[in-house]
């Protein structure tokens, strides 16, 4: 039986569960394919690319189905595909079964990610900005928990990793089955007297923001790929690099609840929040240009993380604030798609620019591009607000 409202604790729990499950699998892809299946790094990269493309398609399909079909059935289909794919990986994780089921899992998780964000727009007991902040916190907490557990479980066998992921996705399916059947009430759309839809004055602003999000993820992927090599070249260790991510996780766990406490003010000044957040993101890369000592890498990661928790959750909030109710799912799907696209091409773009130019030129270019992108967005929003 359909409920009138969604109990947010189940949405937050679902985000935590699914992100923990995902983090059991994606960090191991390159290592597993190269070390266990004997495939080249190039093949591993191609598989990861198609996994990202599948996730983008899932983001798009999930958003469309959320609006045009039923949110409840949409998210159950996405989780169901994740359950089926991870279940198959328990028994068939050789070549080519592993990449096939991994790509199917990426498509299912793409639907789930968009659906979870779209469900946030249906919240009635809390502002959607607050819900997006908590969802972002839960997703990061899930990634921290998952990657921590993987290190202990992997020596027992890869099938145990897939079993854990399958178990978590199954739990999320049951949570959604019993708690996500929510009535999606119709709300008034922005229409003119003749019945035609009035153009959205924020359409260009949303496009510029999505492009900024894409560029941000291209930049952020350098931290997860090429910056490790940069640090090793300066005489630092893998442990030094890994500790940066521990530091990142601690800052998120401590900082996100503080920002959520000031959610009302930050939402009222969302253009300022986005501007400061993305500017800090770019500033982190300027710090990398002069980084020779480890403390500068720590400082850059701190600035990056603060920018991340300011900007990334508020992208979904801004898009939600300036889109029609009937299009909430589609536009939240676009948010996930542009993020997935940045994750897909980021490592490759970075590697090509490093080989053609240098690390320092790459860092400078990324900073300048991010500064230019957020300046264009801020100027456009200010223009719309002044009209």
Protein backbone atom coordinates (compact mmCIF):
# COMPACT_ATOMS: atom_id res chain seq x y z
CA UNK A 1 0.00 0.00 0.00
CA UNK A 2 1.32 3.42 -0.99
CA UNK A 3 2.40 5.83 1.75
CA UNK A 4 1.70 9.55 1.76
CA UNK A 5 5.25 10.53 2.64
CA UNK A 6 8.68 8.93 2.60
CA UNK A 7 10.32 8.37 5.96
CA UNK A 8 13.73 9.92 5.40
CA UNK A 9 15.61 7.50 7.64
CA UNK A 10 14.92 4.73 5.11
CA UNK A 11 16.17 6.89 2.23
CA UNK A 12 19.37 7.68 4.15
CA UNK A 13 19.81 4.04 5.11
CA UNK A 14 19.32 3.02 1.49
CA UNK A 15 22.00 5.45 0.33
CA UNK A 16 24.42 4.15 2.96
CA UNK A 17 23.76 0.51 2.05
CA UNK A 18 24.03 0.89 -1.73
CA UNK A 19 27.19 3.02 -1.61
CA UNK A 20 28.83 0.55 0.76
CA UNK A 21 27.94 -2.25 -1.65
CA UNK A 22 29.29 -0.35 -4.66
CA UNK A 23 32.56 0.40 -2.86
CA UNK A 24 33.14 -3.33 -2.40
CA UNK A 25 33.46 -3.72 -6.16
CA UNK A 26 34.65 -0.66 -8.11
CA UNK A 27 38.01 -0.06 -6.34
CA UNK A 28 39.03 -3.64 -7.11
CA UNK A 29 38.29 -3.61 -10.84
CA UNK A 30 41.75 -2.69 -12.14
CA UNK A 31 43.60 -4.80 -9.55
CA UNK A 32 41.36 -7.84 -10.07
CA UNK A 33 41.46 -7.74 -13.88
CA UNK A 34 45.20 -7.14 -14.04
CA UNK A 35 46.47 -9.32 -11.20
CA UNK A 36 43.87 -12.13 -11.10
CA UNK A 37 42.50 -12.32 -14.65
CA UNK A 38 45.78 -11.42 -16.37
CA UNK A 39 44.33 -8.64 -18.52
CA UNK A 40 46.31 -5.54 -19.46
CA UNK A 41 45.82 -2.14 -17.85
CA UNK A 42 44.45 -0.91 -21.18
CA UNK A 43 41.73 -3.57 -21.16
CA UNK A 44 40.94 -2.70 -17.54
CA UNK A 45 40.62 0.95 -18.52
CA UNK A 46 38.26 0.08 -21.37
CA UNK A 47 36.06 -1.99 -19.04
CA UNK A 48 35.93 0.87 -16.53
CA UNK A 49 34.99 3.26 -19.32
CA UNK A 50 32.09 1.08 -20.47
CA UNK A 51 31.03 0.66 -16.85
CA UNK A 52 30.87 4.45 -16.55
CA UNK A 53 28.93 4.72 -19.82
CA UNK A 54 26.47 2.09 -18.55
CA UNK A 55 26.06 4.07 -15.34
CA UNK A 56 25.36 7.24 -17.36
CA UNK A 57 22.69 5.41 -19.35
CA UNK A 58 21.23 4.15 -16.08
CA UNK A 59 21.18 7.72 -14.75
CA UNK A 60 19.26 8.89 -17.82
CA UNK A 61 16.84 5.98 -17.91
CA UNK A 62 16.24 6.21 -14.16
CA UNK A 63 15.35 9.90 -14.39
CA UNK A 64 13.00 9.39 -17.30
CA UNK A 65 11.22 6.44 -15.69
CA UNK A 66 10.95 8.29 -12.36
CA UNK A 67 8.97 11.06 -14.05
CA UNK A 68 7.04 9.16 -16.71
CA UNK A 69 6.45 5.82 -14.98
CA UNK A 70 6.55 5.20 -11.21
CA UNK A 71 9.32 6.10 -8.75
CA UNK A 72 8.63 2.93 -6.74
CA UNK A 73 8.91 0.51 -9.64
CA UNK A 74 11.86 2.42 -11.10
CA UNK A 75 14.05 2.08 -8.02
CA UNK A 76 13.02 -1.57 -7.51
CA UNK A 77 14.09 -2.33 -11.10
CA UNK A 78 17.45 -0.65 -10.53
CA UNK A 79 18.13 -2.42 -7.24
CA UNK A 80 16.85 -5.70 -8.68
CA UNK A 81 19.37 -5.48 -11.53
CA UNK A 82 22.13 -4.76 -9.00
CA UNK A 83 21.07 -7.79 -6.93
CA UNK A 84 21.00 -10.04 -10.01
CA UNK A 85 24.36 -8.83 -11.37
CA UNK A 86 26.21 -9.06 -8.05
CA UNK A 87 24.65 -12.49 -7.42
CA UNK A 88 25.93 -13.75 -10.77
CA UNK A 89 29.41 -12.41 -9.98
CA UNK A 90 29.60 -14.72 -6.95
CA UNK A 91 29.61 -17.73 -9.26
CA UNK A 92 30.89 -16.31 -12.58
CA UNK A 93 33.76 -13.88 -12.11
CA UNK A 94 36.16 -15.02 -14.81
CA UNK A 95 36.66 -13.59 -18.29
CA UNK A 96 34.44 -12.37 -20.02
CA UNK A 97 31.68 -12.88 -17.41
CA UNK A 98 33.23 -10.39 -14.98
CA UNK A 99 33.12 -7.31 -17.28
CA UNK A 100 29.66 -8.23 -18.59
CA UNK A 101 28.10 -8.42 -15.13
CA UNK A 102 30.11 -5.40 -13.97
CA UNK A 103 28.66 -3.30 -16.78
CA UNK A 104 25.14 -4.56 -16.00
CA UNK A 105 25.75 -3.64 -12.37
CA UNK A 106 26.83 -0.16 -13.45
CA UNK A 107 23.56 0.31 -15.36
CA UNK A 108 21.50 -0.81 -12.37
CA UNK A 109 23.41 1.41 -9.96
CA UNK A 110 22.95 4.33 -12.35
CA UNK A 111 19.17 3.90 -12.09
CA UNK A 112 19.42 3.62 -8.29
CA UNK A 113 21.61 6.73 -7.89
CA UNK A 114 19.19 8.89 -9.88
CA UNK A 115 16.17 7.41 -8.12
CA UNK A 116 17.61 8.08 -4.65
CA UNK A 117 18.31 11.72 -5.54
CA UNK A 118 14.89 12.05 -7.17
CA UNK A 119 13.18 10.61 -4.07
CA UNK A 120 14.87 13.42 -2.13
CA UNK A 121 12.77 15.91 -4.12
CA UNK A 122 9.61 14.28 -2.70
CA UNK A 123 10.58 15.06 0.91
CA UNK A 124 7.95 16.99 2.82
CA UNK A 125 9.26 16.89 6.39
CA UNK A 126 12.65 18.49 5.59
CA UNK A 127 13.96 20.91 2.99
CA UNK A 128 15.40 19.11 -0.02
CA UNK A 129 18.72 20.91 0.53
CA UNK A 130 18.97 19.25 3.95
CA UNK A 131 18.13 15.85 2.43
CA UNK A 132 20.79 16.24 -0.29
CA UNK A 133 23.38 17.18 2.36
CA UNK A 134 22.64 14.07 4.41
CA UNK A 135 22.57 11.85 1.30
CA UNK A 136 26.00 13.15 0.33
CA UNK A 137 27.27 12.40 3.83
CA UNK A 138 25.80 8.89 3.73
CA UNK A 139 27.27 8.13 0.31
CA UNK A 140 30.76 9.13 1.49
CA UNK A 141 30.35 7.21 4.74
CA UNK A 142 29.37 4.14 2.72
CA UNK A 143 32.47 4.46 0.55
CA UNK A 144 34.69 4.74 3.63
CA UNK A 145 33.12 1.69 5.27
CA UNK A 146 33.23 -0.37 2.08
CA UNK A 147 36.83 0.35 1.14
CA UNK A 148 37.90 -0.33 4.74
CA UNK A 149 36.18 -3.73 4.83
CA UNK A 150 37.51 -4.78 1.41
CA UNK A 151 41.10 -4.83 2.67
CA UNK A 152 40.19 -7.45 5.29
CA UNK A 153 37.86 -9.59 3.16
CA UNK A 154 39.74 -9.77 -0.17
CA UNK A 155 42.45 -12.18 1.11
CA UNK A 156 39.68 -14.70 1.82
CA UNK A 157 38.67 -14.74 -1.85
CA UNK A 158 37.00 -12.46 -4.38
CA UNK A 159 33.72 -14.40 -4.13
CA UNK A 160 33.32 -13.17 -0.55
CA UNK A 161 33.48 -9.58 -1.78
CA UNK A 162 30.70 -10.24 -4.28
CA UNK A 163 28.69 -12.08 -1.62
CA UNK A 164 28.87 -9.05 0.67
CA UNK A 165 27.78 -6.73 -2.14
CA UNK A 166 24.92 -9.08 -3.08
CA UNK A 167 23.78 -9.21 0.55
CA UNK A 168 23.76 -5.42 0.90
CA UNK A 169 21.90 -4.87 -2.38
CA UNK A 170 19.34 -7.47 -1.29
CA UNK A 171 18.83 -5.67 2.03
CA UNK A 172 18.33 -2.39 0.16
CA UNK A 173 15.79 -4.08 -2.13
CA UNK A 174 13.79 -5.19 0.91
CA UNK A 175 14.00 -1.71 2.45
CA UNK A 176 12.75 -0.15 -0.78
CA UNK A 177 10.06 -2.80 -1.23
CA UNK A 178 8.47 -2.05 2.13
CA UNK A 179 9.19 1.67 2.57
CA UNK A 180 9.57 3.40 -0.82
CA UNK A 181 6.03 3.00 -2.16
CA UNK A 182 5.17 6.70 -1.83
CA UNK A 183 2.34 8.62 -3.48
CA UNK A 184 3.81 11.21 -5.84
CA UNK A 185 1.36 14.06 -5.56
CA UNK A 186 0.83 16.25 -8.58
CA UNK A 187 1.93 19.84 -8.20
CA UNK A 188 1.16 22.89 -10.23
CA UNK A 189 3.46 23.42 -13.21
CA UNK A 190 4.72 26.72 -14.55
CA UNK A 191 2.27 27.37 -17.41
CA UNK A 192 0.86 30.36 -19.22
CA UNK A 193 -2.81 31.09 -19.82
CA UNK A 194 -2.82 29.44 -23.22
CA UNK A 195 -1.61 26.21 -21.67
CA UNK A 196 1.92 26.29 -23.08
CA UNK A 197 4.87 25.77 -20.78
CA UNK A 198 6.70 28.98 -19.93
CA UNK A 199 10.44 28.90 -20.64
CA UNK A 200 12.54 28.29 -17.56
CA UNK A 201 14.66 31.42 -16.94
CA UNK A 202 17.24 29.30 -15.15
CA UNK A 203 17.74 26.83 -18.00
CA UNK A 204 21.06 28.36 -19.10
CA UNK A 205 22.21 28.55 -15.47
CA UNK A 206 21.47 24.86 -14.99
CA UNK A 207 23.41 23.96 -18.16
CA UNK A 208 26.41 26.01 -17.01
CA UNK A 209 26.24 24.40 -13.57
CA UNK A 210 26.15 20.90 -15.06
CA UNK A 211 29.17 21.73 -17.23
CA UNK A 212 30.97 22.99 -14.11
CA UNK A 213 30.07 19.74 -12.35
CA UNK A 214 31.47 17.73 -15.27
CA UNK A 215 34.75 19.69 -15.22
CA UNK A 216 34.94 19.33 -11.44
CA UNK A 217 34.74 15.55 -11.68
CA UNK A 218 37.36 15.52 -14.47
CA UNK A 219 39.61 17.43 -12.05
CA UNK A 220 38.69 15.33 -9.02
CA UNK A 221 39.56 12.10 -10.83
CA UNK A 222 43.17 13.28 -11.00
CA UNK A 223 43.34 12.80 -7.24
CA UNK A 224 42.15 9.21 -7.61
CA UNK A 225 44.48 8.37 -10.48
CA UNK A 226 47.39 10.54 -11.63
CA UNK A 227 48.27 12.43 -8.43
CA UNK A 228 49.39 9.19 -6.78
CA UNK A 229 52.09 8.83 -9.45
CA UNK A 230 53.00 12.51 -9.02
CA UNK A 231 53.54 12.02 -5.29
CA UNK A 232 55.58 8.85 -5.77
CA UNK A 233 57.79 10.77 -8.19
CA UNK A 234 58.53 13.25 -5.41
CA UNK A 235 59.75 10.45 -3.15
CA UNK A 236 56.57 9.93 -1.14
CA UNK A 237 55.03 6.53 -0.43
CA UNK A 238 51.77 4.77 -1.20
CA UNK A 239 50.99 4.99 2.52
CA UNK A 240 51.38 8.79 2.33
CA UNK A 241 48.92 8.87 -0.57
CA UNK A 242 46.45 6.56 1.18
CA UNK A 243 46.52 8.70 4.32
CA UNK A 244 45.31 11.67 2.25
CA UNK A 245 42.06 9.77 1.66
CA UNK A 246 41.78 8.94 5.35
CA UNK A 247 42.19 12.67 6.02
CA UNK A 248 39.57 13.39 3.35
CA UNK A 249 37.10 10.98 4.99
CA UNK A 250 37.63 12.47 8.45
CA UNK A 251 37.03 16.00 7.13
CA UNK A 252 33.80 14.91 5.44
CA UNK A 253 32.52 13.09 8.51
CA UNK A 254 33.28 16.11 10.70
CA UNK A 255 32.51 18.91 8.27
CA UNK A 256 29.32 17.79 6.54
CA UNK A 257 27.16 17.76 9.72
CA UNK A 258 28.37 21.28 10.54
CA UNK A 259 27.35 22.54 7.11
CA UNK A 260 24.01 20.76 7.41
CA UNK A 261 23.39 22.63 10.69
CA UNK A 262 23.60 25.91 8.73
CA UNK A 263 21.53 24.56 5.85
CA UNK A 264 18.89 27.31 5.90
CA UNK A 265 21.45 30.09 5.49
CA UNK A 266 23.48 28.17 2.92
CA UNK A 267 20.39 27.44 0.84
CA UNK A 268 19.29 31.08 0.93
CA UNK A 269 22.78 32.00 -0.33
CA UNK A 270 23.17 29.00 -2.64
CA UNK A 271 24.93 30.97 -5.40
CA UNK A 272 27.55 32.04 -2.88
CA UNK A 273 27.86 28.47 -1.59
CA UNK A 274 28.40 27.09 -5.07
CA UNK A 275 30.83 29.88 -5.98
CA UNK A 276 32.97 29.44 -2.86
CA UNK A 277 32.86 25.64 -3.12
CA UNK A 278 34.02 25.40 -6.73
CA UNK A 279 36.58 28.18 -6.19
CA UNK A 280 38.12 26.19 -3.33
CA UNK A 281 38.16 23.16 -5.63
CA UNK A 282 40.22 25.09 -8.17
CA UNK A 283 42.46 26.58 -5.47
CA UNK A 284 43.48 23.07 -4.40
CA UNK A 285 45.09 22.57 -7.82
CA UNK A 286 46.99 25.86 -7.55
CA UNK A 287 48.45 24.54 -4.29
CA UNK A 288 49.55 21.36 -6.08
CA UNK A 289 51.66 23.44 -8.49
CA UNK A 290 53.96 24.47 -5.63
CA UNK A 291 53.61 21.27 -3.59
CA UNK A 292 56.97 19.67 -2.84
CA UNK A 293 56.47 18.79 0.82
CA UNK A 294 53.82 16.45 2.18
CA UNK A 295 52.11 19.12 4.30
CA UNK A 296 51.20 21.02 1.13
CA UNK A 297 49.45 17.94 -0.22
CA UNK A 298 47.56 17.72 3.08
CA UNK A 299 46.60 21.39 2.78
CA UNK A 300 45.49 20.92 -0.83
CA UNK A 301 43.36 17.91 0.14
CA UNK A 302 41.80 19.90 3.00
CA UNK A 303 40.89 22.79 0.67
CA UNK A 304 39.59 20.33 -1.93
CA UNK A 305 37.42 18.48 0.61
CA UNK A 306 35.92 21.69 1.99
CA UNK A 307 35.11 22.78 -1.55
CA UNK A 308 33.62 19.37 -2.27
CA UNK A 309 31.22 19.30 0.68
CA UNK A 310 30.17 22.90 -0.05
CA UNK A 311 29.60 22.53 -3.78
CA UNK A 312 28.64 18.99 -4.74
CA UNK A 313 25.48 18.48 -2.62
CA UNK A 314 24.26 21.97 -3.52
CA UNK A 315 24.31 21.18 -7.25
CA UNK A 316 21.33 18.86 -6.76
CA UNK A 317 19.68 21.48 -4.54
CA UNK A 318 20.04 24.26 -7.12
CA UNK A 319 18.69 22.03 -9.90
CA UNK A 320 15.77 20.97 -7.71
CA UNK A 321 14.96 24.59 -6.83
CA UNK A 322 14.72 25.66 -10.47
CA UNK A 323 12.99 22.77 -12.25
CA UNK A 324 9.35 21.78 -12.66
CA UNK A 325 7.90 19.06 -10.44
CA UNK A 326 7.15 16.89 -13.49
CA UNK A 327 10.84 17.07 -14.51
CA UNK A 328 12.53 16.46 -11.16
CA UNK A 329 13.67 12.93 -12.00
CA UNK A 330 14.97 13.85 -15.46
CA UNK A 331 17.08 16.73 -14.20
CA UNK A 332 18.42 14.79 -11.20
CA UNK A 333 19.36 12.16 -13.79
CA UNK A 334 21.32 14.85 -15.67
CA UNK A 335 23.19 15.72 -12.47
CA UNK A 336 24.25 12.09 -12.07
CA UNK A 337 25.05 11.76 -15.79
CA UNK A 338 27.41 14.74 -15.90
CA UNK A 339 29.17 13.49 -12.76
CA UNK A 340 29.51 10.00 -14.26
CA UNK A 341 30.84 11.48 -17.53
CA UNK A 342 33.52 13.38 -15.63
CA UNK A 343 34.51 10.22 -13.79
CA UNK A 344 34.67 8.31 -17.08
CA UNK A 345 36.98 10.64 -19.01
CA UNK A 346 38.92 12.24 -16.13
CA UNK A 347 41.79 9.72 -15.78
CA UNK A 348 42.31 9.50 -19.55
CA UNK A 349 42.24 13.28 -20.10
CA UNK A 350 44.68 13.77 -17.24
CA UNK A 351 47.07 11.10 -18.48
CA UNK A 352 47.10 12.50 -22.02
CA UNK A 353 47.78 16.06 -20.83
CA UNK A 354 50.53 14.91 -18.46
CA UNK A 355 52.26 12.99 -21.25
CA UNK A 356 51.91 15.89 -23.72
CA UNK A 357 52.68 18.71 -21.26
CA UNK A 358 53.39 18.15 -17.55
CA UNK A 359 51.73 17.69 -14.18
CA UNK A 360 52.11 21.36 -13.31
CA UNK A 361 50.56 22.60 -16.54
CA UNK A 362 47.67 20.16 -16.02
CA UNK A 363 47.07 21.51 -12.50
CA UNK A 364 47.18 25.12 -13.75
CA UNK A 365 44.80 24.38 -16.63
CA UNK A 366 42.30 22.64 -14.34
CA UNK A 367 42.32 25.54 -11.88
CA UNK A 368 41.79 28.13 -14.62
CA UNK A 369 39.00 26.13 -16.28
CA UNK A 370 37.17 25.68 -12.96
CA UNK A 371 37.50 29.37 -12.10
CA UNK A 372 36.17 30.35 -15.54
CA UNK A 373 33.27 27.88 -15.36
CA UNK A 374 32.02 29.00 -11.95
CA UNK A 375 32.44 32.67 -12.92
CA UNK A 376 30.21 32.13 -15.99
CA UNK A 377 27.61 30.33 -13.87
CA UNK A 378 27.60 33.00 -11.15
CA UNK A 379 27.30 35.81 -13.69
CA UNK A 380 24.39 34.06 -15.43
CA UNK A 381 22.47 33.48 -12.17
CA UNK A 382 23.05 37.06 -11.08
CA UNK A 383 21.73 38.28 -14.45
CA UNK A 384 18.57 36.17 -14.14
CA UNK A 385 17.98 37.28 -10.53
CA UNK A 386 18.33 40.95 -11.49
CA UNK A 387 15.78 40.70 -14.31
